[in-house]
Amino acid sequence: MTTTSQQEVYRFLEDRFACAQACAECARACALRASLAEPDGPYDQEFQRRKGIMCAEACDATCRALSGHSRQDEAAIRGQVEWCRAVCLESAHVFDQDPGGKEAAQACRDAARACTDFMATLS
């Protein structure tokens, strides 16, 4: 293995880990945000709660896909990461509408950025 290909492998693994880590942080922030919204509250609050749950589930599924335990091919992983990125960006936009949602919105944006960075390492 040449030095260049070793560097590419290291970058791929680092970006994969960074993406999984960012998704885990996002899942925690979104789950917390969802738990703060009242299920029978106003429409906006219920929408935020559902978006938080959906984002936490997408990030959790992406962490599992990136953990290496699943035997998915590159196309399946790319699809999973692209889906997670889209959900994170949508969730960040929703949480930006709530003054108390800034931390969750930032976690979502961080996860989306990590997904983008990881996808750049895929061929």
Protein backbone atom coordinates (compact mmCIF):
# COMPACT_ATOMS: atom_id res chain seq x y z
CA MET A 1 0.00 0.00 0.00
CA THR A 2 1.45 3.38 -0.96
CA THR A 3 1.61 6.31 1.42
CA THR A 4 -1.08 8.12 -0.56
CA SER A 5 -3.49 5.22 -0.36
CA GLN A 6 -2.72 4.79 3.35
CA GLN A 7 -3.51 8.47 3.86
CA GLU A 8 -6.79 8.03 1.96
CA VAL A 9 -7.71 5.06 4.14
CA TYR A 10 -6.89 7.01 7.31
CA ARG A 11 -8.95 9.99 6.13
CA PHE A 12 -11.84 7.70 5.22
CA LEU A 13 -11.78 6.09 8.69
CA GLU A 14 -11.38 9.43 10.47
CA ASP A 15 -14.27 10.96 8.54
CA ARG A 16 -16.41 7.86 9.11
CA PHE A 17 -15.75 8.07 12.85
CA ALA A 18 -16.33 11.85 12.91
CA CYS A 19 -19.64 11.38 11.09
CA ALA A 20 -20.78 8.65 13.50
CA GLN A 21 -19.71 10.75 16.49
CA ALA A 22 -21.51 13.87 15.21
CA CYS A 23 -24.62 11.79 14.50
CA ALA A 24 -24.53 10.39 18.03
CA GLU A 25 -24.31 13.91 19.47
CA CYS A 26 -27.15 15.04 17.21
CA ALA A 27 -29.29 12.06 18.25
CA ARG A 28 -28.81 12.97 21.92
CA ALA A 29 -29.63 16.66 21.34
CA CYS A 30 -32.70 15.85 19.24
CA ALA A 31 -33.98 13.28 21.73
CA LEU A 32 -33.59 15.85 24.51
CA ARG A 33 -35.33 18.50 22.41
CA ALA A 34 -38.19 16.08 21.67
CA SER A 35 -38.59 15.26 25.35
CA LEU A 36 -38.95 18.97 26.23
CA ALA A 37 -41.85 19.52 23.84
CA GLU A 38 -45.25 18.60 25.15
CA PRO A 39 -47.01 15.91 23.08
CA ASP A 40 -50.34 17.74 23.33
CA GLY A 41 -48.83 21.20 23.01
CA PRO A 42 -49.35 23.67 20.18
CA TYR A 43 -48.83 22.50 16.59
CA ASP A 44 -45.32 24.01 16.37
CA GLN A 45 -44.23 22.25 19.53
CA GLU A 46 -45.66 18.91 18.39
CA PHE A 47 -43.97 19.35 14.99
CA GLN A 48 -40.64 20.04 16.72
CA ARG A 49 -41.11 16.97 18.93
CA ARG A 50 -41.78 14.73 15.92
CA LYS A 51 -38.86 16.26 14.00
CA GLY A 52 -36.58 15.67 17.00
CA ILE A 53 -37.63 12.03 17.22
CA MET A 54 -37.18 11.51 13.48
CA CYS A 55 -33.74 13.12 13.48
CA ALA A 56 -32.61 11.12 16.51
CA GLU A 57 -33.74 7.90 14.79
CA ALA A 58 -32.02 8.83 11.50
CA CYS A 59 -28.79 9.65 13.30
CA ASP A 60 -28.97 6.48 15.39
CA ALA A 61 -29.51 4.34 12.27
CA THR A 62 -26.59 6.08 10.57
CA CYS A 63 -24.33 5.42 13.56
CA ARG A 64 -25.21 1.73 13.34
CA ALA A 65 -24.54 1.69 9.59
CA LEU A 66 -21.15 3.35 10.10
CA SER A 67 -20.16 1.18 13.05
CA GLY A 68 -18.85 -1.48 10.74
CA HIS A 69 -21.10 -4.15 12.22
CA SER A 70 -23.49 -3.95 9.30
CA ARG A 71 -22.37 -5.46 6.01
CA GLN A 72 -23.79 -2.77 3.73
CA ASP A 73 -22.15 -1.91 0.45
CA GLU A 74 -20.90 1.57 -0.34
CA ALA A 75 -24.07 2.56 -2.20
CA ALA A 76 -26.23 1.63 0.80
CA ILE A 77 -23.98 3.54 3.18
CA ARG A 78 -24.00 6.58 0.86
CA GLY A 79 -27.81 6.46 0.74
CA GLN A 80 -28.01 6.21 4.53
CA VAL A 81 -25.62 9.12 5.06
CA GLU A 82 -27.35 11.28 2.44
CA TRP A 83 -30.72 10.61 4.08
CA CYS A 84 -29.30 11.46 7.51
CA ARG A 85 -27.79 14.68 6.18
CA ALA A 86 -31.13 15.76 4.69
CA VAL A 87 -33.03 14.99 7.92
CA CYS A 88 -30.42 16.86 9.98
CA LEU A 89 -30.68 19.96 7.78
CA GLU A 90 -34.49 19.91 7.92
CA SER A 91 -34.38 19.50 11.70
CA ALA A 92 -31.87 22.34 12.13
CA HIS A 93 -34.23 24.63 10.22
CA VAL A 94 -37.16 23.61 12.46
CA PHE A 95 -35.16 24.05 15.67
CA ASP A 96 -33.88 27.45 14.51
CA GLN A 97 -37.50 28.67 14.75
CA ASP A 98 -37.48 28.10 18.52
CA PRO A 99 -35.24 30.24 20.77
CA GLY A 100 -34.68 27.19 23.01
CA GLY A 101 -33.66 25.01 20.07
CA LYS A 102 -30.30 26.59 19.24
CA GLU A 103 -28.19 23.78 20.72
CA ALA A 104 -30.13 21.06 18.91
CA ALA A 105 -30.03 23.09 15.67
CA GLN A 106 -26.25 23.41 15.92
CA ALA A 107 -25.86 19.68 16.63
CA CYS A 108 -27.95 18.98 13.53
CA ARG A 109 -25.82 21.28 11.38
CA ASP A 110 -22.63 19.69 12.75
CA ALA A 111 -23.93 16.22 11.90
CA ALA A 112 -24.97 17.34 8.40
CA ARG A 113 -21.49 18.80 7.82
CA ALA A 114 -19.86 15.58 9.05
CA CYS A 115 -22.09 13.57 6.70
CA THR A 116 -21.04 15.79 3.79
CA ASP A 117 -17.36 15.42 4.70
CA PHE A 118 -17.68 11.65 4.96
CA MET A 119 -19.48 11.35 1.62
CA ALA A 120 -16.53 13.18 0.00
CA THR A 121 -14.30 10.23 0.98
CA LEU A 122 -16.52 7.72 -0.82
CA SER A 123 -15.61 6.91 -4.40
